Amino acid sequence: MSDHTATACPPPASDIAGLNAQVREAFAVFGGKWKLEILWVLSQRMHRFNELRRAIPGVTQHMLTAQLRELEQDGLVERTIHPEVPPRVEYRITAEALRLEPVFSAIFTWMRERPSRIAEDGGR
């Protein structure tokens, strides 16, 4: 039996347009191809740029840089530059982004319940 609260208590029709706008705004924050994966990797621990690149197969340097900048602008990733030669740059998830932990848990639960579908689709 499913416990989807969204279907158990739908919002009044008058609120749907406002909720859709909020959902679109949230999707815009996570809309990049690599953003959720970056956040998940950073939720494990702080990473330097090249560590992130190695942890996320297929991401290009250009795309990782762009996605990290957007996540930083949205307050979900913190970038720290250490004044060393050569400079050391570290990325970590912010307290705001740590609030996504239930989302990641829900995704992992969903994945465990649908292993054959994900394997067949190649993880798309």
PDB file of N, CA and C in Angstrom:
ATOM      1  N   MET A   1       0.845  -1.172   0.000  1.00  0.00           N
ATOM      2  CA  MET A   1       0.000   0.000   0.000  1.00  0.00           C
ATOM      3  C   MET A   1       0.889   1.233   0.000  1.00  0.00           C
ATOM      4  N   SER A   2       0.615   2.174  -0.849  1.00  0.00           N
ATOM      5  CA  SER A   2       1.407   3.390  -0.978  1.00  0.00           C
ATOM      6  C   SER A   2       1.004   4.400   0.086  1.00  0.00           C
ATOM      7  N   ASP A   3       1.960   5.212   0.514  1.00  0.00           N
ATOM      8  CA  ASP A   3       1.664   6.230   1.513  1.00  0.00           C
ATOM      9  C   ASP A   3       1.899   7.627   0.944  1.00  0.00           C
ATOM     10  N   HIS A   4       1.552   7.838  -0.306  1.00  0.00           N
ATOM     11  CA  HIS A   4       1.739   9.132  -0.954  1.00  0.00           C
ATOM     12  C   HIS A   4       0.780  10.147  -0.346  1.00  0.00           C
ATOM     13  N   THR A   5       1.302  11.108   0.379  1.00  0.00           N
ATOM     14  CA  THR A   5       0.452  12.104   1.013  1.00  0.00           C
ATOM     15  C   THR A   5      -0.118  13.087   0.004  1.00  0.00           C
ATOM     16  N   ALA A   6       0.553  13.265  -1.134  1.00  0.00           N
ATOM     17  CA  ALA A   6       0.064  14.207  -2.135  1.00  0.00           C
ATOM     18  C   ALA A   6      -1.301  13.780  -2.668  1.00  0.00           C
ATOM     19  N   THR A   7      -1.527  12.492  -2.840  1.00  0.00           N
ATOM     20  CA  THR A   7      -2.817  12.026  -3.337  1.00  0.00           C
ATOM     21  C   THR A   7      -3.828  11.903  -2.206  1.00  0.00           C
ATOM     22  N   ALA A   8      -3.365  11.759  -0.981  1.00  0.00           N
ATOM     23  CA  ALA A   8      -4.275  11.605   0.142  1.00  0.00           C
ATOM     24  C   ALA A   8      -4.959  12.928   0.487  1.00  0.00           C
ATOM     25  N   CYS A   9      -4.290  14.029   0.258  1.00  0.00           N
ATOM     26  CA  CYS A   9      -4.834  15.325   0.639  1.00  0.00           C
ATOM     27  C   CYS A   9      -4.487  16.357  -0.434  1.00  0.00           C
ATOM     28  N   PRO A  10      -5.182  16.324  -1.577  1.00  0.00           N
ATOM     29  CA  PRO A  10      -4.842  17.250  -2.654  1.00  0.00           C
ATOM     30  C   PRO A  10      -5.164  18.688  -2.266  1.00  0.00           C
ATOM     31  N   PRO A  11      -4.384  19.644  -2.776  1.00  0.00           N
ATOM     32  CA  PRO A  11      -4.649  21.046  -2.461  1.00  0.00           C
ATOM     33  C   PRO A  11      -5.905  21.520  -3.183  1.00  0.00           C
ATOM     34  N   PRO A  12      -6.525  22.569  -2.655  1.00  0.00           N
ATOM     35  CA  PRO A  12      -7.678  23.142  -3.356  1.00  0.00           C
ATOM     36  C   PRO A  12      -7.252  23.622  -4.747  1.00  0.00           C
ATOM     37  N   ALA A  13      -8.177  23.584  -5.686  1.00  0.00           N
ATOM     38  CA  ALA A  13      -7.866  23.982  -7.063  1.00  0.00           C
ATOM     39  C   ALA A  13      -7.287  25.389  -7.122  1.00  0.00           C
ATOM     40  N   SER A  14      -7.724  26.267  -6.240  1.00  0.00           N
ATOM     41  CA  SER A  14      -7.234  27.647  -6.255  1.00  0.00           C
ATOM     42  C   SER A  14      -5.756  27.737  -5.889  1.00  0.00           C
ATOM     43  N   ASP A  15      -5.221  26.742  -5.183  1.00  0.00           N
ATOM     44  CA  ASP A  15      -3.816  26.758  -4.765  1.00  0.00           C
ATOM     45  C   ASP A  15      -2.884  26.090  -5.770  1.00  0.00           C
ATOM     46  N   ILE A  16      -3.425  25.363  -6.733  1.00  0.00           N
ATOM     47  CA  ILE A  16      -2.589  24.571  -7.633  1.00  0.00           C
ATOM     48  C   ILE A  16      -1.648  25.440  -8.453  1.00  0.00           C
ATOM     49  N   ALA A  17      -2.118  26.563  -8.966  1.00  0.00           N
ATOM     50  CA  ALA A  17      -1.251  27.431  -9.779  1.00  0.00           C
ATOM     51  C   ALA A  17      -0.064  27.918  -8.961  1.00  0.00           C
ATOM     52  N   GLY A  18      -0.299  28.316  -7.730  1.00  0.00           N
ATOM     53  CA  GLY A  18       0.791  28.769  -6.865  1.00  0.00           C
ATOM     54  C   GLY A  18       1.760  27.647  -6.540  1.00  0.00           C
ATOM     55  N   LEU A  19       1.227  26.458  -6.282  1.00  0.00           N
ATOM     56  CA  LEU A  19       2.084  25.308  -6.005  1.00  0.00           C
ATOM     57  C   LEU A  19       2.893  24.926  -7.231  1.00  0.00           C
ATOM     58  N   ASN A  20       2.286  24.976  -8.411  1.00  0.00           N
ATOM     59  CA  ASN A  20       3.018  24.673  -9.640  1.00  0.00           C
ATOM     60  C   ASN A  20       4.185  25.632  -9.823  1.00  0.00           C
ATOM     61  N   ALA A  21       3.984  26.902  -9.508  1.00  0.00           N
ATOM     62  CA  ALA A  21       5.065  27.884  -9.624  1.00  0.00           C
ATOM     63  C   ALA A  21       6.197  27.535  -8.661  1.00  0.00           C
ATOM     64  N   GLN A  22       5.862  27.125  -7.449  1.00  0.00           N
ATOM     65  CA  GLN A  22       6.888  26.738  -6.474  1.00  0.00           C
ATOM     66  C   GLN A  22       7.630  25.489  -6.926  1.00  0.00           C
ATOM     67  N   VAL A  23       6.904  24.534  -7.473  1.00  0.00           N
ATOM     68  CA  VAL A  23       7.531  23.303  -7.960  1.00  0.00           C
ATOM     69  C   VAL A  23       8.466  23.622  -9.121  1.00  0.00           C
ATOM     70  N   ARG A  24       8.027  24.482 -10.043  1.00  0.00           N
ATOM     71  CA  ARG A  24       8.889  24.878 -11.167  1.00  0.00           C
ATOM     72  C   ARG A  24      10.159  25.549 -10.662  1.00  0.00           C
ATOM     73  N   GLU A  25      10.020  26.390  -9.643  1.00  0.00           N
ATOM     74  CA  GLU A  25      11.191  27.063  -9.067  1.00  0.00           C
ATOM     75  C   GLU A  25      12.154  26.040  -8.467  1.00  0.00           C
ATOM     76  N   ALA A  26      11.624  25.067  -7.743  1.00  0.00           N
ATOM     77  CA  ALA A  26      12.477  24.023  -7.162  1.00  0.00           C
ATOM     78  C   ALA A  26      13.138  23.194  -8.253  1.00  0.00           C
ATOM     79  N   PHE A  27      12.383  22.842  -9.283  1.00  0.00           N
ATOM     80  CA  PHE A  27      12.960  22.064 -10.383  1.00  0.00           C
ATOM     81  C   PHE A  27      14.057  22.846 -11.092  1.00  0.00           C
ATOM     82  N   ALA A  28      13.924  24.161 -11.169  1.00  0.00           N
ATOM     83  CA  ALA A  28      14.962  24.983 -11.803  1.00  0.00           C
ATOM     84  C   ALA A  28      16.268  24.893 -11.019  1.00  0.00           C
ATOM     85  N   VAL A  29      16.174  24.830  -9.697  1.00  0.00           N
ATOM     86  CA  VAL A  29      17.379  24.718  -8.865  1.00  0.00           C
ATOM     87  C   VAL A  29      18.081  23.392  -9.120  1.00  0.00           C
ATOM     88  N   PHE A  30      17.317  22.316  -9.289  1.00  0.00           N
ATOM     89  CA  PHE A  30      17.895  20.981  -9.460  1.00  0.00           C
ATOM     90  C   PHE A  30      17.902  20.529 -10.912  1.00  0.00           C
ATOM     91  N   GLY A  31      17.587  21.429 -11.836  1.00  0.00           N
ATOM     92  CA  GLY A  31      17.385  21.072 -13.226  1.00  0.00           C
ATOM     93  C   GLY A  31      18.620  20.664 -14.003  1.00  0.00           C
ATOM     94  N   GLY A  32      19.795  20.960 -13.526  1.00  0.00           N
ATOM     95  CA  GLY A  32      20.997  20.572 -14.251  1.00  0.00           C
ATOM     96  C   GLY A  32      21.190  19.068 -14.231  1.00  0.00           C
ATOM     97  N   LYS A  33      21.766  18.551 -15.290  1.00  0.00           N
ATOM     98  CA  LYS A  33      21.937  17.102 -15.426  1.00  0.00           C
ATOM     99  C   LYS A  33      22.705  16.492 -14.256  1.00  0.00           C
ATOM    100  N   TRP A  34      23.664  17.218 -13.705  1.00  0.00           N
ATOM    101  CA  TRP A  34      24.561  16.651 -12.699  1.00  0.00           C
ATOM    102  C   TRP A  34      24.299  17.157 -11.281  1.00  0.00           C
ATOM    103  N   LYS A  35      23.377  18.084 -11.102  1.00  0.00           N
ATOM    104  CA  LYS A  35      23.238  18.755  -9.804  1.00  0.00           C
ATOM    105  C   LYS A  35      22.902  17.811  -8.651  1.00  0.00           C
ATOM    106  N   LEU A  36      21.931  16.952  -8.829  1.00  0.00           N
ATOM    107  CA  LEU A  36      21.584  16.049  -7.725  1.00  0.00           C
ATOM    108  C   LEU A  36      22.729  15.103  -7.402  1.00  0.00           C
ATOM    109  N   GLU A  37      23.430  14.647  -8.425  1.00  0.00           N
ATOM    110  CA  GLU A  37      24.562  13.750  -8.174  1.00  0.00           C
ATOM    111  C   GLU A  37      25.686  14.491  -7.452  1.00  0.00           C
ATOM    112  N   ILE A  38      25.944  15.731  -7.843  1.00  0.00           N
ATOM    113  CA  ILE A  38      26.954  16.548  -7.159  1.00  0.00           C
ATOM    114  C   ILE A  38      26.573  16.713  -5.695  1.00  0.00           C
ATOM    115  N   LEU A  39      25.321  17.063  -5.441  1.00  0.00           N
ATOM    116  CA  LEU A  39      24.877  17.255  -4.057  1.00  0.00           C
ATOM    117  C   LEU A  39      24.983  15.962  -3.259  1.00  0.00           C
ATOM    118  N   TRP A  40      24.630  14.843  -3.883  1.00  0.00           N
ATOM    119  CA  TRP A  40      24.726  13.574  -3.166  1.00  0.00           C
ATOM    120  C   TRP A  40      26.180  13.265  -2.814  1.00  0.00           C
ATOM    121  N   VAL A  41      27.093  13.439  -3.770  1.00  0.00           N
ATOM    122  CA  VAL A  41      28.514  13.171  -3.509  1.00  0.00           C
ATOM    123  C   VAL A  41      29.020  14.092  -2.404  1.00  0.00           C
ATOM    124  N   LEU A  42      28.660  15.370  -2.469  1.00  0.00           N
ATOM    125  CA  LEU A  42      29.118  16.311  -1.444  1.00  0.00           C
ATOM    126  C   LEU A  42      28.448  16.068  -0.092  1.00  0.00           C
ATOM    127  N   SER A  43      27.294  15.420  -0.090  1.00  0.00           N
ATOM    128  CA  SER A  43      26.651  15.122   1.195  1.00  0.00           C
ATOM    129  C   SER A  43      27.442  14.074   1.974  1.00  0.00           C
ATOM    130  N   GLN A  44      28.300  13.333   1.279  1.00  0.00           N
ATOM    131  CA  GLN A  44      29.124  12.314   1.930  1.00  0.00           C
ATOM    132  C   GLN A  44      30.315  12.943   2.659  1.00  0.00           C
ATOM    133  N   ARG A  45      30.922  13.965   2.008  1.00  0.00           N
ATOM    134  CA  ARG A  45      32.059  14.675   2.608  1.00  0.00           C
ATOM    135  C   ARG A  45      32.480  15.805   1.681  1.00  0.00           C
ATOM    136  N   MET A  46      33.392  16.644   2.160  1.00  0.00           N
ATOM    137  CA  MET A  46      33.967  17.711   1.360  1.00  0.00           C
ATOM    138  C   MET A  46      34.823  17.088   0.256  1.00  0.00           C
ATOM    139  N   HIS A  47      34.842  17.731  -0.921  1.00  0.00           N
ATOM    140  CA  HIS A  47      35.658  17.262  -2.041  1.00  0.00           C
ATOM    141  C   HIS A  47      36.384  18.434  -2.689  1.00  0.00           C
ATOM    142  N   ARG A  48      37.540  18.149  -3.224  1.00  0.00           N
ATOM    143  CA  ARG A  48      38.211  19.089  -4.106  1.00  0.00           C
ATOM    144  C   ARG A  48      37.664  18.848  -5.509  1.00  0.00           C
ATOM    145  N   PHE A  49      37.930  19.793  -6.417  1.00  0.00           N
ATOM    146  CA  PHE A  49      37.330  19.738  -7.746  1.00  0.00           C
ATOM    147  C   PHE A  49      37.625  18.421  -8.461  1.00  0.00           C
ATOM    148  N   ASN A  50      38.891  18.042  -8.541  1.00  0.00           N
ATOM    149  CA  ASN A  50      39.234  16.815  -9.277  1.00  0.00           C
ATOM    150  C   ASN A  50      38.701  15.557  -8.601  1.00  0.00           C
ATOM    151  N   GLU A  51      38.558  15.586  -7.281  1.00  0.00           N
ATOM    152  CA  GLU A  51      37.926  14.454  -6.592  1.00  0.00           C
ATOM    153  C   GLU A  51      36.471  14.318  -7.043  1.00  0.00           C
ATOM    154  N   LEU A  52      35.800  15.462  -7.158  1.00  0.00           N
ATOM    155  CA  LEU A  52      34.416  15.446  -7.636  1.00  0.00           C
ATOM    156  C   LEU A  52      34.338  14.897  -9.052  1.00  0.00           C
ATOM    157  N   ARG A  53      35.246  15.349  -9.902  1.00  0.00           N
ATOM    158  CA  ARG A  53      35.252  14.862 -11.294  1.00  0.00           C
ATOM    159  C   ARG A  53      35.410  13.352 -11.351  1.00  0.00           C
ATOM    160  N   ARG A  54      36.289  12.823 -10.525  1.00  0.00           N
ATOM    161  CA  ARG A  54      36.501  11.368 -10.515  1.00  0.00           C
ATOM    162  C   ARG A  54      35.304  10.630  -9.916  1.00  0.00           C
ATOM    163  N   ALA A  55      34.623  11.270  -8.983  1.00  0.00           N
ATOM    164  CA  ALA A  55      33.488  10.624  -8.310  1.00  0.00           C
ATOM    165  C   ALA A  55      32.226  10.602  -9.172  1.00  0.00           C
ATOM    166  N   ILE A  56      32.206  11.437 -10.226  1.00  0.00           N
ATOM    167  CA  ILE A  56      31.018  11.541 -11.071  1.00  0.00           C
ATOM    168  C   ILE A  56      31.409  11.199 -12.508  1.00  0.00           C
ATOM    169  N   PRO A  57      31.360   9.935 -12.869  1.00  0.00           N
ATOM    170  CA  PRO A  57      31.765   9.520 -14.217  1.00  0.00           C
ATOM    171  C   PRO A  57      30.926  10.208 -15.294  1.00  0.00           C
ATOM    172  N   GLY A  58      31.612  10.687 -16.319  1.00  0.00           N
ATOM    173  CA  GLY A  58      30.920  11.283 -17.455  1.00  0.00           C
ATOM    174  C   GLY A  58      30.789  12.790 -17.421  1.00  0.00           C
ATOM    175  N   VAL A  59      30.964  13.406 -16.254  1.00  0.00           N
ATOM    176  CA  VAL A  59      30.843  14.861 -16.190  1.00  0.00           C
ATOM    177  C   VAL A  59      32.120  15.497 -16.741  1.00  0.00           C
ATOM    178  N   THR A  60      31.955  16.539 -17.555  1.00  0.00           N
ATOM    179  CA  THR A  60      33.118  17.242 -18.092  1.00  0.00           C
ATOM    180  C   THR A  60      33.547  18.328 -17.117  1.00  0.00           C
ATOM    181  N   GLN A  61      34.774  18.783 -17.265  1.00  0.00           N
ATOM    182  CA  GLN A  61      35.284  19.852 -16.407  1.00  0.00           C
ATOM    183  C   GLN A  61      34.411  21.098 -16.552  1.00  0.00           C
ATOM    184  N   HIS A  62      34.073  21.438 -17.779  1.00  0.00           N
ATOM    185  CA  HIS A  62      33.253  22.621 -18.039  1.00  0.00           C
ATOM    186  C   HIS A  62      31.881  22.505 -17.370  1.00  0.00           C
ATOM    187  N   MET A  63      31.232  21.357 -17.529  1.00  0.00           N
ATOM    188  CA  MET A  63      29.897  21.170 -16.967  1.00  0.00           C
ATOM    189  C   MET A  63      29.935  21.145 -15.445  1.00  0.00           C
ATOM    190  N   LEU A  64      30.935  20.488 -14.872  1.00  0.00           N
ATOM    191  CA  LEU A  64      31.056  20.452 -13.415  1.00  0.00           C
ATOM    192  C   LEU A  64      31.247  21.859 -12.867  1.00  0.00           C
ATOM    193  N   THR A  65      32.097  22.637 -13.515  1.00  0.00           N
ATOM    194  CA  THR A  65      32.325  24.020 -13.088  1.00  0.00           C
ATOM    195  C   THR A  65      31.026  24.817 -13.134  1.00  0.00           C
ATOM    196  N   ALA A  66      30.294  24.710 -14.234  1.00  0.00           N
ATOM    197  CA  ALA A  66      29.045  25.458 -14.386  1.00  0.00           C
ATOM    198  C   ALA A  66      28.009  25.039 -13.347  1.00  0.00           C
ATOM    199  N   GLN A  67      27.866  23.737 -13.138  1.00  0.00           N
ATOM    200  CA  GLN A  67      26.873  23.242 -12.179  1.00  0.00           C
ATOM    201  C   GLN A  67      27.241  23.638 -10.750  1.00  0.00           C
ATOM    202  N   LEU A  68      28.533  23.574 -10.412  1.00  0.00           N
ATOM    203  CA  LEU A  68      28.972  23.994  -9.081  1.00  0.00           C
ATOM    204  C   LEU A  68      28.701  25.481  -8.861  1.00  0.00           C
ATOM    205  N   ARG A  69      28.949  26.302  -9.870  1.00  0.00           N
ATOM    206  CA  ARG A  69      28.677  27.747  -9.751  1.00  0.00           C
ATOM    207  C   ARG A  69      27.201  28.003  -9.482  1.00  0.00           C
ATOM    208  N   GLU A  70      26.339  27.311 -10.221  1.00  0.00           N
ATOM    209  CA  GLU A  70      24.901  27.493 -10.025  1.00  0.00           C
ATOM    210  C   GLU A  70      24.471  27.028  -8.638  1.00  0.00           C
ATOM    211  N   LEU A  71      24.988  25.899  -8.196  1.00  0.00           N
ATOM    212  CA  LEU A  71      24.649  25.403  -6.860  1.00  0.00           C
ATOM    213  C   LEU A  71      25.157  26.356  -5.783  1.00  0.00           C
ATOM    214  N   GLU A  72      26.315  26.954  -6.015  1.00  0.00           N
ATOM    215  CA  GLU A  72      26.849  27.936  -5.068  1.00  0.00           C
ATOM    216  C   GLU A  72      25.953  29.177  -5.042  1.00  0.00           C
ATOM    217  N   GLN A  73      25.535  29.652  -6.204  1.00  0.00           N
ATOM    218  CA  GLN A  73      24.645  30.817  -6.277  1.00  0.00           C
ATOM    219  C   GLN A  73      23.310  30.545  -5.594  1.00  0.00           C
ATOM    220  N   ASP A  74      22.851  29.306  -5.642  1.00  0.00           N
ATOM    221  CA  ASP A  74      21.586  28.935  -5.007  1.00  0.00           C
ATOM    222  C   ASP A  74      21.739  28.621  -3.518  1.00  0.00           C
ATOM    223  N   GLY A  75      22.960  28.746  -2.992  1.00  0.00           N
ATOM    224  CA  GLY A  75      23.183  28.535  -1.569  1.00  0.00           C
ATOM    225  C   GLY A  75      23.222  27.084  -1.142  1.00  0.00           C
ATOM    226  N   LEU A  76      23.474  26.170  -2.086  1.00  0.00           N
ATOM    227  CA  LEU A  76      23.485  24.748  -1.756  1.00  0.00           C
ATOM    228  C   LEU A  76      24.889  24.169  -1.648  1.00  0.00           C
ATOM    229  N   VAL A  77      25.864  24.865  -2.219  1.00  0.00           N
ATOM    230  CA  VAL A  77      27.262  24.436  -2.166  1.00  0.00           C
ATOM    231  C   VAL A  77      28.108  25.616  -1.717  1.00  0.00           C
ATOM    232  N   GLU A  78      29.074  25.319  -0.874  1.00  0.00           N
ATOM    233  CA  GLU A  78      30.017  26.337  -0.399  1.00  0.00           C
ATOM    234  C   GLU A  78      31.390  26.034  -0.983  1.00  0.00           C
ATOM    235  N   ARG A  79      32.011  27.058  -1.535  1.00  0.00           N
ATOM    236  CA  ARG A  79      33.340  26.932  -2.148  1.00  0.00           C
ATOM    237  C   ARG A  79      34.325  27.672  -1.262  1.00  0.00           C
ATOM    238  N   THR A  80      35.387  26.980  -0.853  1.00  0.00           N
ATOM    239  CA  THR A  80      36.413  27.583  -0.007  1.00  0.00           C
ATOM    240  C   THR A  80      37.742  27.540  -0.741  1.00  0.00           C
ATOM    241  N   ILE A  81      38.362  28.719  -0.874  1.00  0.00           N
ATOM    242  CA  ILE A  81      39.679  28.816  -1.503  1.00  0.00           C
ATOM    243  C   ILE A  81      40.699  29.022  -0.389  1.00  0.00           C
ATOM    244  N   HIS A  82      41.662  28.120  -0.304  1.00  0.00           N
ATOM    245  CA  HIS A  82      42.715  28.231   0.699  1.00  0.00           C
ATOM    246  C   HIS A  82      43.906  28.957   0.075  1.00  0.00           C
ATOM    247  N   PRO A  83      44.431  29.971   0.762  1.00  0.00           N
ATOM    248  CA  PRO A  83      45.536  30.770   0.210  1.00  0.00           C
ATOM    249  C   PRO A  83      46.863  30.021   0.271  1.00  0.00           C
ATOM    250  N   GLU A  84      47.022  29.109  -0.638  1.00  0.00           N
ATOM    251  CA  GLU A  84      48.239  28.311  -0.724  1.00  0.00           C
ATOM    252  C   GLU A  84      48.747  28.376  -2.156  1.00  0.00           C
ATOM    253  N   VAL A  85      49.954  27.911  -2.356  1.00  0.00           N
ATOM    254  CA  VAL A  85      50.499  27.804  -3.708  1.00  0.00           C
ATOM    255  C   VAL A  85      50.782  26.336  -3.970  1.00  0.00           C
ATOM    256  N   PRO A  86      50.118  25.718  -4.930  1.00  0.00           N
ATOM    257  CA  PRO A  86      48.986  26.245  -5.698  1.00  0.00           C
ATOM    258  C   PRO A  86      47.733  26.342  -4.831  1.00  0.00           C
ATOM    259  N   PRO A  87      46.782  27.193  -5.237  1.00  0.00           N
ATOM    260  CA  PRO A  87      45.563  27.356  -4.436  1.00  0.00           C
ATOM    261  C   PRO A  87      44.801  26.034  -4.311  1.00  0.00           C
ATOM    262  N   ARG A  88      44.270  25.804  -3.135  1.00  0.00           N
ATOM    263  CA  ARG A  88      43.455  24.607  -2.887  1.00  0.00           C
ATOM    264  C   ARG A  88      42.007  25.062  -2.751  1.00  0.00           C
ATOM    265  N   VAL A  89      41.129  24.477  -3.549  1.00  0.00           N
ATOM    266  CA  VAL A  89      39.709  24.831  -3.531  1.00  0.00           C
ATOM    267  C   VAL A  89      38.921  23.604  -3.088  1.00  0.00           C
ATOM    268  N   GLU A  90      38.062  23.809  -2.100  1.00  0.00           N
ATOM    269  CA  GLU A  90      37.238  22.723  -1.572  1.00  0.00           C
ATOM    270  C   GLU A  90      35.764  23.081  -1.711  1.00  0.00           C
ATOM    271  N   TYR A  91      34.969  22.056  -1.945  1.00  0.00           N
ATOM    272  CA  TYR A  91      33.524  22.222  -2.069  1.00  0.00           C
ATOM    273  C   TYR A  91      32.852  21.376  -1.003  1.00  0.00           C
ATOM    274  N   ARG A  92      31.857  21.970  -0.368  1.00  0.00           N
ATOM    275  CA  ARG A  92      31.076  21.217   0.621  1.00  0.00           C
ATOM    276  C   ARG A  92      29.619  21.629   0.498  1.00  0.00           C
ATOM    277  N   ILE A  93      28.772  20.745   0.939  1.00  0.00           N
ATOM    278  CA  ILE A  93      27.334  20.993   0.910  1.00  0.00           C
ATOM    279  C   ILE A  93      26.989  21.928   2.075  1.00  0.00           C
ATOM    280  N   THR A  94      26.017  22.806   1.882  1.00  0.00           N
ATOM    281  CA  THR A  94      25.611  23.725   2.935  1.00  0.00           C
ATOM    282  C   THR A  94      24.555  23.074   3.832  1.00  0.00           C
ATOM    283  N   ALA A  95      24.301  23.717   4.967  1.00  0.00           N
ATOM    284  CA  ALA A  95      23.261  23.226   5.877  1.00  0.00           C
ATOM    285  C   ALA A  95      21.903  23.207   5.174  1.00  0.00           C
ATOM    286  N   GLU A  96      21.669  24.200   4.330  1.00  0.00           N
ATOM    287  CA  GLU A  96      20.408  24.244   3.576  1.00  0.00           C
ATOM    288  C   GLU A  96      20.264  23.009   2.688  1.00  0.00           C
ATOM    289  N   ALA A  97      21.333  22.642   2.008  1.00  0.00           N
ATOM    290  CA  ALA A  97      21.286  21.478   1.116  1.00  0.00           C
ATOM    291  C   ALA A  97      21.193  20.172   1.899  1.00  0.00           C
ATOM    292  N   LEU A  98      21.712  20.141   3.109  1.00  0.00           N
ATOM    293  CA  LEU A  98      21.614  18.923   3.925  1.00  0.00           C
ATOM    294  C   LEU A  98      20.160  18.573   4.231  1.00  0.00           C
ATOM    295  N   ARG A  99      19.285  19.555   4.120  1.00  0.00           N
ATOM    296  CA  ARG A  99      17.860  19.293   4.322  1.00  0.00           C
ATOM    297  C   ARG A  99      17.296  18.389   3.228  1.00  0.00           C
ATOM    298  N   LEU A 100      18.077  18.144   2.170  1.00  0.00           N
ATOM    299  CA  LEU A 100      17.650  17.251   1.090  1.00  0.00           C
ATOM    300  C   LEU A 100      17.854  15.775   1.437  1.00  0.00           C
ATOM    301  N   GLU A 101      18.429  15.476   2.578  1.00  0.00           N
ATOM    302  CA  GLU A 101      18.687  14.081   2.960  1.00  0.00           C
ATOM    303  C   GLU A 101      17.446  13.199   2.827  1.00  0.00           C
ATOM    304  N   PRO A 102      16.260  13.648   3.264  1.00  0.00           N
ATOM    305  CA  PRO A 102      15.074  12.802   3.071  1.00  0.00           C
ATOM    306  C   PRO A 102      14.767  12.539   1.593  1.00  0.00           C
ATOM    307  N   VAL A 103      15.096  13.490   0.733  1.00  0.00           N
ATOM    308  CA  VAL A 103      14.878  13.301  -0.708  1.00  0.00           C
ATOM    309  C   VAL A 103      15.795  12.197  -1.216  1.00  0.00           C
ATOM    310  N   PHE A 104      17.075  12.256  -0.838  1.00  0.00           N
ATOM    311  CA  PHE A 104      18.014  11.215  -1.256  1.00  0.00           C
ATOM    312  C   PHE A 104      17.585   9.857  -0.712  1.00  0.00           C
ATOM    313  N   SER A 105      17.136   9.817   0.535  1.00  0.00           N
ATOM    314  CA  SER A 105      16.662   8.552   1.118  1.00  0.00           C
ATOM    315  C   SER A 105      15.476   8.009   0.338  1.00  0.00           C
ATOM    316  N   ALA A 106      14.558   8.889  -0.035  1.00  0.00           N
ATOM    317  CA  ALA A 106      13.388   8.456  -0.808  1.00  0.00           C
ATOM    318  C   ALA A 106      13.806   7.931  -2.182  1.00  0.00           C
ATOM    319  N   ILE A 107      14.774   8.579  -2.815  1.00  0.00           N
ATOM    320  CA  ILE A 107      15.258   8.120  -4.120  1.00  0.00           C
ATOM    321  C   ILE A 107      15.885   6.732  -3.987  1.00  0.00           C
ATOM    322  N   PHE A 108      16.704   6.535  -2.942  1.00  0.00           N
ATOM    323  CA  PHE A 108      17.342   5.229  -2.756  1.00  0.00           C
ATOM    324  C   PHE A 108      16.308   4.150  -2.468  1.00  0.00           C
ATOM    325  N   THR A 109      15.290   4.466  -1.689  1.00  0.00           N
ATOM    326  CA  THR A 109      14.218   3.508  -1.424  1.00  0.00           C
ATOM    327  C   THR A 109      13.515   3.154  -2.728  1.00  0.00           C
ATOM    328  N   TRP A 110      13.210   4.148  -3.520  1.00  0.00           N
ATOM    329  CA  TRP A 110      12.561   3.921  -4.807  1.00  0.00           C
ATOM    330  C   TRP A 110      13.433   3.054  -5.710  1.00  0.00           C
ATOM    331  N   MET A 111      14.734   3.321  -5.738  1.00  0.00           N
ATOM    332  CA  MET A 111      15.652   2.532  -6.571  1.00  0.00           C
ATOM    333  C   MET A 111      15.679   1.076  -6.125  1.00  0.00           C
ATOM    334  N   ARG A 112      15.702   0.831  -4.821  1.00  0.00           N
ATOM    335  CA  ARG A 112      15.727  -0.547  -4.317  1.00  0.00           C
ATOM    336  C   ARG A 112      14.451  -1.292  -4.694  1.00  0.00           C
ATOM    337  N   GLU A 113      13.348  -0.575  -4.765  1.00  0.00           N
ATOM    338  CA  GLU A 113      12.075  -1.208  -5.103  1.00  0.00           C
ATOM    339  C   GLU A 113      11.921  -1.448  -6.598  1.00  0.00           C
ATOM    340  N   ARG A 114      12.760  -0.838  -7.430  1.00  0.00           N
ATOM    341  CA  ARG A 114      12.647  -0.959  -8.881  1.00  0.00           C
ATOM    342  C   ARG A 114      13.969  -1.343  -9.528  1.00  0.00           C
ATOM    343  N   PRO A 115      14.721  -2.282  -8.989  1.00  0.00           N
ATOM    344  CA  PRO A 115      16.057  -2.557  -9.533  1.00  0.00           C
ATOM    345  C   PRO A 115      16.058  -3.020 -10.977  1.00  0.00           C
ATOM    346  N   SER A 116      15.089  -3.838 -11.380  1.00  0.00           N
ATOM    347  CA  SER A 116      15.113  -4.338 -12.759  1.00  0.00           C
ATOM    348  C   SER A 116      14.829  -3.217 -13.749  1.00  0.00           C
ATOM    349  N   ARG A 117      13.956  -2.311 -13.440  1.00  0.00           N
ATOM    350  CA  ARG A 117      13.624  -1.199 -14.327  1.00  0.00           C
ATOM    351  C   ARG A 117      14.839  -0.313 -14.546  1.00  0.00           C
ATOM    352  N   ILE A 118      15.542   0.011 -13.485  1.00  0.00           N
ATOM    353  CA  ILE A 118      16.716   0.870 -13.602  1.00  0.00           C
ATOM    354  C   ILE A 118      17.811   0.157 -14.380  1.00  0.00           C
ATOM    355  N   ALA A 119      18.017  -1.122 -14.128  1.00  0.00           N
ATOM    356  CA  ALA A 119      19.040  -1.878 -14.858  1.00  0.00           C
ATOM    357  C   ALA A 119      18.706  -1.950 -16.342  1.00  0.00           C
ATOM    358  N   GLU A 120      17.434  -2.154 -16.672  1.00  0.00           N
ATOM    359  CA  GLU A 120      17.017  -2.232 -18.073  1.00  0.00           C
ATOM    360  C   GLU A 120      17.198  -0.908 -18.795  1.00  0.00           C
ATOM    361  N   ASP A 121      16.929   0.198 -18.106  1.00  0.00           N
ATOM    362  CA  ASP A 121      17.029   1.521 -18.713  1.00  0.00           C
ATOM    363  C   ASP A 121      18.460   2.039 -18.734  1.00  0.00           C
ATOM    364  N   GLY A 122      19.381   1.312 -18.157  1.00  0.00           N
ATOM    365  CA  GLY A 122      20.762   1.762 -18.116  1.00  0.00           C
ATOM    366  C   GLY A 122      20.981   2.913 -17.158  1.00  0.00           C
ATOM    367  N   GLY A 123      20.092   3.072 -16.179  1.00  0.00           N
ATOM    368  CA  GLY A 123      20.259   4.122 -15.193  1.00  0.00           C
ATOM    369  C   GLY A 123      19.859   5.497 -15.687  1.00  0.00           C
ATOM    370  N   ARG A 124      19.135   5.553 -16.779  1.00  0.00           N
ATOM    371  CA  ARG A 124      18.727   6.862 -17.308  1.00  0.00           C
ATOM    372  C   ARG A 124      17.751   7.533 -16.418  1.00  0.00           C
TER     373      ARG A 124
END
